[in-house]
Amino acid sequence: MTSFVLDLSGEFERLRAELRDELLAELREQLAAEAWPGWLDVPTAAKYMSVSPERVRKLIARNAIPYSQEAPGCRVLIERRALDQHLRHRAGGGLATT
């Protein structure tokens, strides 16, 4: 009986490296697409929350979400981490409506 031995270790290593590189490239693209700044202005916060900018303004007016503003009439900024924490805390009830 004749036996054959195939050494595919080099081929497996090449395929593993190729797959790793493709997965890393895809993950980098996804992370770049999902990256949000630490502080959000109203239009960016609206996109982040998948609501309209008017909805964000109403939530701010009712103090329904955390925000920072230097003085009345100045630009409003929302810290993304604080917003995430607030939304997780309220996850059961969802956003208030008006």
Protein backbone atom coordinates (compact mmCIF):
# COMPACT_ATOMS: atom_id res chain seq x y z
CA MET A 1 0.00 0.00 0.00
CA THR A 2 1.34 3.42 -0.94
CA SER A 3 0.80 6.35 1.37
CA PHE A 4 0.95 9.97 0.47
CA VAL A 5 1.82 12.78 2.80
CA LEU A 6 0.76 16.24 1.86
CA ASP A 7 2.28 19.14 3.75
CA LEU A 8 -0.24 21.97 3.57
CA SER A 9 1.01 23.87 6.60
CA GLY A 10 2.48 26.62 4.43
CA GLU A 11 -0.76 26.99 2.50
CA PHE A 12 -2.84 27.08 5.68
CA GLU A 13 -0.56 29.73 7.14
CA ARG A 14 -0.85 31.84 3.99
CA LEU A 15 -4.66 31.53 4.01
CA ARG A 16 -4.82 32.37 7.71
CA ALA A 17 -2.70 35.49 7.21
CA GLU A 18 -4.78 36.56 4.22
CA LEU A 19 -8.04 36.06 6.11
CA ARG A 20 -6.66 37.94 9.13
CA ASP A 21 -5.64 40.89 6.96
CA GLU A 22 -9.05 41.00 5.25
CA LEU A 23 -10.91 40.85 8.57
CA LEU A 24 -8.74 43.55 10.12
CA ALA A 25 -9.30 45.83 7.12
CA GLU A 26 -13.06 45.29 7.33
CA LEU A 27 -13.10 45.95 11.09
CA ARG A 28 -11.09 49.14 10.65
CA GLU A 29 -13.59 50.37 8.05
CA GLN A 30 -16.53 49.58 10.33
CA LEU A 31 -14.93 51.28 13.32
CA ALA A 32 -14.13 54.37 11.28
CA ALA A 33 -17.72 54.51 10.03
CA GLU A 34 -19.09 54.10 13.56
CA ALA A 35 -16.72 56.55 15.22
CA TRP A 36 -18.54 59.43 16.86
CA PRO A 37 -16.89 62.45 18.46
CA GLY A 38 -16.81 62.78 22.24
CA TRP A 39 -18.93 65.95 22.09
CA LEU A 40 -21.92 66.24 19.76
CA ASP A 41 -23.63 69.36 18.49
CA VAL A 42 -27.39 69.24 17.95
CA PRO A 43 -27.36 68.01 14.31
CA THR A 44 -24.75 65.34 15.10
CA ALA A 45 -26.61 64.26 18.25
CA ALA A 46 -29.77 63.94 16.16
CA LYS A 47 -28.00 61.63 13.71
CA TYR A 48 -26.49 59.68 16.61
CA MET A 49 -29.90 59.21 18.22
CA SER A 50 -31.73 58.71 14.89
CA VAL A 51 -34.11 61.58 15.58
CA SER A 52 -34.59 65.05 14.09
CA PRO A 53 -32.57 68.05 15.30
CA GLU A 54 -35.88 69.60 16.43
CA ARG A 55 -36.48 66.54 18.63
CA VAL A 56 -33.05 67.00 20.24
CA ARG A 57 -33.81 70.69 20.85
CA LYS A 58 -37.11 69.77 22.53
CA LEU A 59 -35.36 67.22 24.76
CA ILE A 60 -32.76 69.84 25.69
CA ALA A 61 -35.46 72.44 26.44
CA ARG A 62 -37.11 69.99 28.85
CA ASN A 63 -33.75 68.93 30.34
CA ALA A 64 -34.60 65.41 29.22
CA ILE A 65 -31.02 64.76 28.09
CA PRO A 66 -27.72 65.99 29.58
CA TYR A 67 -26.07 68.88 27.73
CA SER A 68 -23.63 71.75 28.19
CA GLN A 69 -24.06 75.36 27.16
CA GLU A 70 -21.72 78.20 28.07
CA ALA A 71 -24.51 80.78 28.25
CA PRO A 72 -28.04 81.24 26.92
CA GLY A 73 -27.95 81.61 23.16
CA CYS A 74 -24.57 79.85 22.88
CA ARG A 75 -24.02 76.59 21.09
CA VAL A 76 -25.26 73.46 22.86
CA LEU A 77 -22.91 70.48 23.16
CA ILE A 78 -23.79 67.01 24.35
CA GLU A 79 -21.16 64.68 25.76
CA ARG A 80 -21.62 61.37 23.98
CA ARG A 81 -20.71 59.21 27.00
CA ALA A 82 -23.13 61.07 29.27
CA LEU A 83 -25.84 60.76 26.62
CA ASP A 84 -25.16 57.02 26.23
CA GLN A 85 -25.35 56.53 29.98
CA HIS A 86 -28.55 58.56 30.22
CA LEU A 87 -30.19 56.66 27.35
CA ARG A 88 -29.18 53.29 28.82
CA HIS A 89 -30.66 54.35 32.15
CA ARG A 90 -33.90 55.32 30.45
CA ALA A 91 -33.92 52.35 28.05
CA GLY A 92 -37.02 50.86 29.62
CA GLY A 93 -39.11 53.98 29.12
CA GLY A 94 -37.68 55.28 25.84
CA LEU A 95 -37.52 58.97 25.03
CA ALA A 96 -40.26 61.25 26.30
CA THR A 97 -42.53 62.68 23.63
CA THR A 98 -43.91 66.12 22.94
